[in-house]
């Protein structure tokens, strides 16, 4: 049964306690069922590969809205954990360790990252043809990519046990794309901060992104070809 008050709210859905150690990720009315089915399939795949993700039970309909029933996971996001503890070592170690586990898998049973990027561009955008051409000239690949990998999508539970969440953007492509995406989110996405000034926050974010890249032993040159496209398409995304 869905409680009246959500326990979390995102851009595309609300999360409600569903009882019996389950939650319902209930998407806002009108959200495309195709996208919801894709997330459900992606979550099932990630679980089958042995990645530590919540069990995905079923898709339901509730009050003119569609939702996915997931296993309830207890903990706080890696971002929240860092703000509380200032443990930079744990943040970077966890971020890189979990990402390596994802990127070691290969599949073509999910959306291509090129298709994902192209689908995010509205038809009315005057730059669409140019962006599509740039995307098509990027390399292909069959590495499993989370597509939205950042500290807000990793839950930290008891004994520092981590659980990966949010599977809407899962795709396949070159491993450099997924790392570039994470680098971009770490360096440039708006993240709530304490009392730090905006300039201090942005500098800290960039330092964190560079440290993440260094710990992965990846050079900026390897991810640079993807960053301008990620930047151009990021503003179109709902997730």
Protein backbone atom coordinates (compact mmCIF):
# COMPACT_ATOMS: atom_id res chain seq x y z
CA UNK A 1 0.00 0.00 0.00
CA UNK A 2 1.34 3.45 -0.92
CA UNK A 3 1.61 6.00 1.88
CA UNK A 4 0.40 9.54 1.28
CA UNK A 5 3.79 11.19 1.89
CA UNK A 6 6.73 10.19 -0.35
CA UNK A 7 10.05 9.30 1.25
CA UNK A 8 11.95 10.79 -1.71
CA UNK A 9 11.12 13.01 -4.67
CA UNK A 10 13.02 13.25 -7.97
CA UNK A 11 12.59 14.92 -11.34
CA UNK A 12 10.56 12.07 -12.82
CA UNK A 13 9.09 10.16 -9.87
CA UNK A 14 8.31 9.95 -6.17
CA UNK A 15 9.36 7.06 -3.95
CA UNK A 16 6.85 5.69 -1.45
CA UNK A 17 7.08 3.05 1.23
CA UNK A 18 5.21 0.00 -0.07
CA UNK A 19 5.37 -2.22 3.00
CA UNK A 20 6.97 -5.67 3.33
CA UNK A 21 10.48 -4.24 2.80
CA UNK A 22 9.53 -2.74 -0.56
CA UNK A 23 9.26 0.73 -2.08
CA UNK A 24 7.33 2.02 -5.07
CA UNK A 25 9.03 4.39 -7.48
CA UNK A 26 5.88 6.07 -8.77
CA UNK A 27 6.42 8.11 -11.93
CA UNK A 28 4.57 11.34 -12.50
CA UNK A 29 1.42 11.14 -14.61
CA UNK A 30 2.18 11.18 -18.32
CA UNK A 31 5.72 9.87 -17.99
CA UNK A 32 6.33 7.54 -20.98
CA UNK A 33 5.57 3.89 -20.24
CA UNK A 34 8.31 2.90 -22.70
CA UNK A 35 10.90 4.61 -20.50
CA UNK A 36 9.50 2.93 -17.38
CA UNK A 37 9.62 -0.48 -19.04
CA UNK A 38 13.22 0.25 -20.06
CA UNK A 39 14.22 1.07 -16.49
CA UNK A 40 12.54 -2.13 -15.27
CA UNK A 41 14.44 -4.21 -17.86
CA UNK A 42 17.70 -2.42 -17.05
CA UNK A 43 17.29 -3.09 -13.32
CA UNK A 44 16.65 -6.78 -13.98
CA UNK A 45 19.77 -6.98 -16.16
CA UNK A 46 21.99 -5.25 -13.61
CA UNK A 47 20.80 -7.66 -10.93
CA UNK A 48 21.41 -10.69 -13.18
CA UNK A 49 25.01 -9.54 -13.72
CA UNK A 50 25.68 -9.76 -10.00
CA UNK A 51 25.87 -6.02 -9.38
CA UNK A 52 24.65 -4.89 -5.96
CA UNK A 53 21.34 -3.27 -6.90
CA UNK A 54 17.86 -3.50 -5.36
CA UNK A 55 15.70 -6.38 -6.49
CA UNK A 56 13.09 -5.23 -9.00
CA UNK A 57 9.69 -6.88 -8.48
CA UNK A 58 7.03 -5.57 -10.87
CA UNK A 59 5.45 -2.63 -12.66
CA UNK A 60 2.16 -1.41 -11.21
CA UNK A 61 -0.53 1.13 -12.06
CA UNK A 62 -1.77 3.46 -9.33
CA UNK A 63 -4.05 6.48 -9.62
CA UNK A 64 -3.33 7.05 -13.35
CA UNK A 65 0.41 6.67 -12.74
CA UNK A 66 2.88 3.86 -13.39
CA UNK A 67 5.40 2.65 -10.86
CA UNK A 68 8.12 0.08 -10.27
CA UNK A 69 8.23 -1.95 -7.06
CA UNK A 70 11.78 -2.29 -5.72
CA UNK A 71 13.33 -3.95 -2.72
CA UNK A 72 13.70 -1.37 0.05
CA UNK A 73 17.32 -0.41 0.70
CA UNK A 74 18.34 1.27 3.94
CA UNK A 75 21.05 3.90 4.03
CA UNK A 76 22.01 7.35 2.82
CA UNK A 77 23.51 8.45 -0.44
CA UNK A 78 27.27 8.58 -0.80
CA UNK A 79 26.91 12.35 -1.23
CA UNK A 80 25.02 12.69 2.05
CA UNK A 81 27.57 10.45 3.76
CA UNK A 82 30.41 12.66 2.55
CA UNK A 83 28.71 15.86 3.72
CA UNK A 84 28.28 14.31 7.17
CA UNK A 85 31.75 12.80 7.52
CA UNK A 86 34.01 14.77 5.13
CA UNK A 87 35.64 11.41 4.41
CA UNK A 88 37.12 12.15 0.99
CA UNK A 89 39.06 8.90 0.86
CA UNK A 90 35.90 6.80 1.29
CA UNK A 91 34.03 8.92 -1.25
CA UNK A 92 36.64 8.55 -3.99
CA UNK A 93 37.44 4.92 -3.21
CA UNK A 94 33.76 3.93 -3.30
CA UNK A 95 33.04 5.95 -6.42
CA UNK A 96 35.88 4.38 -8.39
CA UNK A 97 35.52 0.86 -6.95
CA UNK A 98 31.82 0.55 -7.79
CA UNK A 99 32.29 2.10 -11.22
CA UNK A 100 34.97 -0.43 -12.11
CA UNK A 101 32.54 -3.22 -11.22
CA UNK A 102 29.98 -1.83 -13.66
CA UNK A 103 32.41 -1.19 -16.50
CA UNK A 104 33.85 -4.71 -16.50
CA UNK A 105 30.58 -5.99 -18.00
CA UNK A 106 29.77 -6.04 -21.71
CA UNK A 107 26.35 -6.18 -23.35
CA UNK A 108 24.27 -4.95 -26.25
CA UNK A 109 20.97 -5.84 -24.58
CA UNK A 110 20.44 -2.22 -23.51
CA UNK A 111 20.05 1.04 -25.41
CA UNK A 112 23.07 2.37 -27.28
CA UNK A 113 24.46 5.54 -25.70
CA UNK A 114 24.21 7.20 -29.10
CA UNK A 115 20.50 6.44 -29.29
CA UNK A 116 20.05 7.71 -25.75
CA UNK A 117 21.77 11.00 -26.56
CA UNK A 118 19.93 11.49 -29.85
CA UNK A 119 16.55 10.77 -28.23
CA UNK A 120 17.22 13.46 -25.63
CA UNK A 121 17.38 16.22 -28.26
CA UNK A 122 14.00 17.85 -29.01
CA UNK A 123 12.89 17.92 -32.66
CA UNK A 124 12.50 21.69 -32.53
CA UNK A 125 16.11 22.30 -31.51
CA UNK A 126 17.88 24.13 -34.35
CA UNK A 127 21.13 22.38 -33.47
CA UNK A 128 19.68 18.89 -33.67
CA UNK A 129 21.16 17.94 -37.06
CA UNK A 130 24.62 19.14 -36.07
CA UNK A 131 24.49 17.34 -32.72
CA UNK A 132 23.29 14.09 -34.29
CA UNK A 133 26.16 14.23 -36.77
CA UNK A 134 28.65 14.75 -33.93
CA UNK A 135 27.16 11.88 -31.94
CA UNK A 136 27.29 9.49 -34.90
CA UNK A 137 30.99 10.23 -35.36
CA UNK A 138 31.79 9.18 -31.78
CA UNK A 139 33.15 5.63 -31.26
CA UNK A 140 30.91 2.63 -30.60
CA UNK A 141 31.33 0.11 -27.81
CA UNK A 142 29.63 -2.66 -25.86
CA UNK A 143 30.65 -1.73 -22.30
CA UNK A 144 27.78 -1.58 -19.81
CA UNK A 145 27.32 2.07 -18.82
CA UNK A 146 25.21 3.25 -15.90
CA UNK A 147 24.59 6.52 -17.72
CA UNK A 148 23.98 8.64 -14.61
CA UNK A 149 26.69 7.51 -12.23
CA UNK A 150 27.40 9.95 -9.38
CA UNK A 151 27.48 9.96 -5.53
CA UNK A 152 23.75 10.60 -5.33
CA UNK A 153 23.04 7.24 -6.99
CA UNK A 154 25.04 5.13 -4.55
CA UNK A 155 23.48 4.24 -1.19
CA UNK A 156 25.72 3.56 1.81
CA UNK A 157 24.27 1.20 4.40
CA UNK A 158 25.54 -0.47 7.54
CA UNK A 159 29.20 -1.58 7.50
CA UNK A 160 29.71 0.71 4.48
CA UNK A 161 27.79 -1.69 2.24
CA UNK A 162 26.94 0.07 -1.04
CA UNK A 163 23.93 -0.29 -3.33
CA UNK A 164 23.64 1.18 -6.81
CA UNK A 165 20.34 2.81 -7.80
CA UNK A 166 18.64 4.60 -10.74
CA UNK A 167 18.68 2.64 -14.00
CA UNK A 168 16.80 4.92 -16.39
CA UNK A 169 19.92 5.90 -18.38
CA UNK A 170 21.64 2.51 -18.54
CA UNK A 171 23.14 1.99 -21.99
CA UNK A 172 26.07 0.44 -23.83
CA UNK A 173 28.99 2.24 -25.40
CA UNK A 174 32.70 2.90 -24.89
CA UNK A 175 33.80 2.89 -21.26
CA UNK A 176 35.19 6.38 -21.81
CA UNK A 177 31.65 7.70 -22.28
CA UNK A 178 30.44 6.61 -18.84
CA UNK A 179 33.55 7.98 -17.15
CA UNK A 180 33.18 11.24 -19.07
CA UNK A 181 29.56 11.46 -17.95
CA UNK A 182 30.53 10.98 -14.30
CA UNK A 183 33.38 13.46 -14.62
CA UNK A 184 30.97 16.02 -16.06
CA UNK A 185 28.41 15.47 -13.28
CA UNK A 186 31.09 15.72 -10.57
CA UNK A 187 32.69 18.83 -12.03
CA UNK A 188 29.74 20.84 -13.32
CA UNK A 189 26.38 19.62 -11.97
CA UNK A 190 24.66 21.70 -9.31
CA UNK A 191 25.25 20.05 -5.96
CA UNK A 192 23.83 21.37 -2.67
CA UNK A 193 26.58 22.70 -0.45
CA UNK A 194 26.93 24.02 3.07
CA UNK A 195 28.18 27.54 3.64
CA UNK A 196 30.83 27.49 0.93
CA UNK A 197 30.69 30.19 -1.72
CA UNK A 198 29.72 29.24 -5.26
CA UNK A 199 33.28 29.74 -6.48
CA UNK A 200 34.68 27.57 -3.69
CA UNK A 201 32.08 24.87 -4.39
CA UNK A 202 32.82 24.78 -8.11
CA UNK A 203 36.55 24.58 -7.41
CA UNK A 204 35.99 21.70 -4.98
CA UNK A 205 33.80 19.90 -7.50
CA UNK A 206 36.47 20.20 -10.18
CA UNK A 207 39.12 18.94 -7.75
CA UNK A 208 36.93 15.94 -6.91
CA UNK A 209 36.35 15.18 -10.61
CA UNK A 210 40.08 15.31 -11.30
CA UNK A 211 40.82 13.08 -8.30
CA UNK A 212 38.20 10.56 -9.47
CA UNK A 213 39.83 10.48 -12.90
CA UNK A 214 43.29 10.08 -11.41
CA UNK A 215 42.21 7.18 -9.18
CA UNK A 216 40.82 5.41 -12.25
CA UNK A 217 44.15 6.00 -14.00
CA UNK A 218 42.31 7.66 -16.89
CA UNK A 219 43.58 10.80 -18.59
CA UNK A 220 41.41 13.80 -19.42
CA UNK A 221 42.42 13.35 -23.07
CA UNK A 222 40.65 9.95 -23.14
CA UNK A 223 37.27 11.39 -22.14
CA UNK A 224 37.52 14.84 -23.75
CA UNK A 225 35.80 13.88 -27.07
CA UNK A 226 32.57 13.07 -25.18
CA UNK A 227 32.33 16.09 -22.89
CA UNK A 228 30.97 18.68 -25.33
CA UNK A 229 28.17 16.33 -26.44
CA UNK A 230 27.32 15.44 -22.84
CA UNK A 231 27.17 19.15 -22.05
CA UNK A 232 24.94 19.87 -25.04
CA UNK A 233 22.50 17.03 -24.32
CA UNK A 234 22.45 17.27 -20.52
CA UNK A 235 20.05 20.22 -20.47
CA UNK A 236 17.43 18.26 -22.42
CA UNK A 237 17.24 15.37 -19.98
CA UNK A 238 14.38 14.90 -17.58
CA UNK A 239 16.22 12.37 -15.44
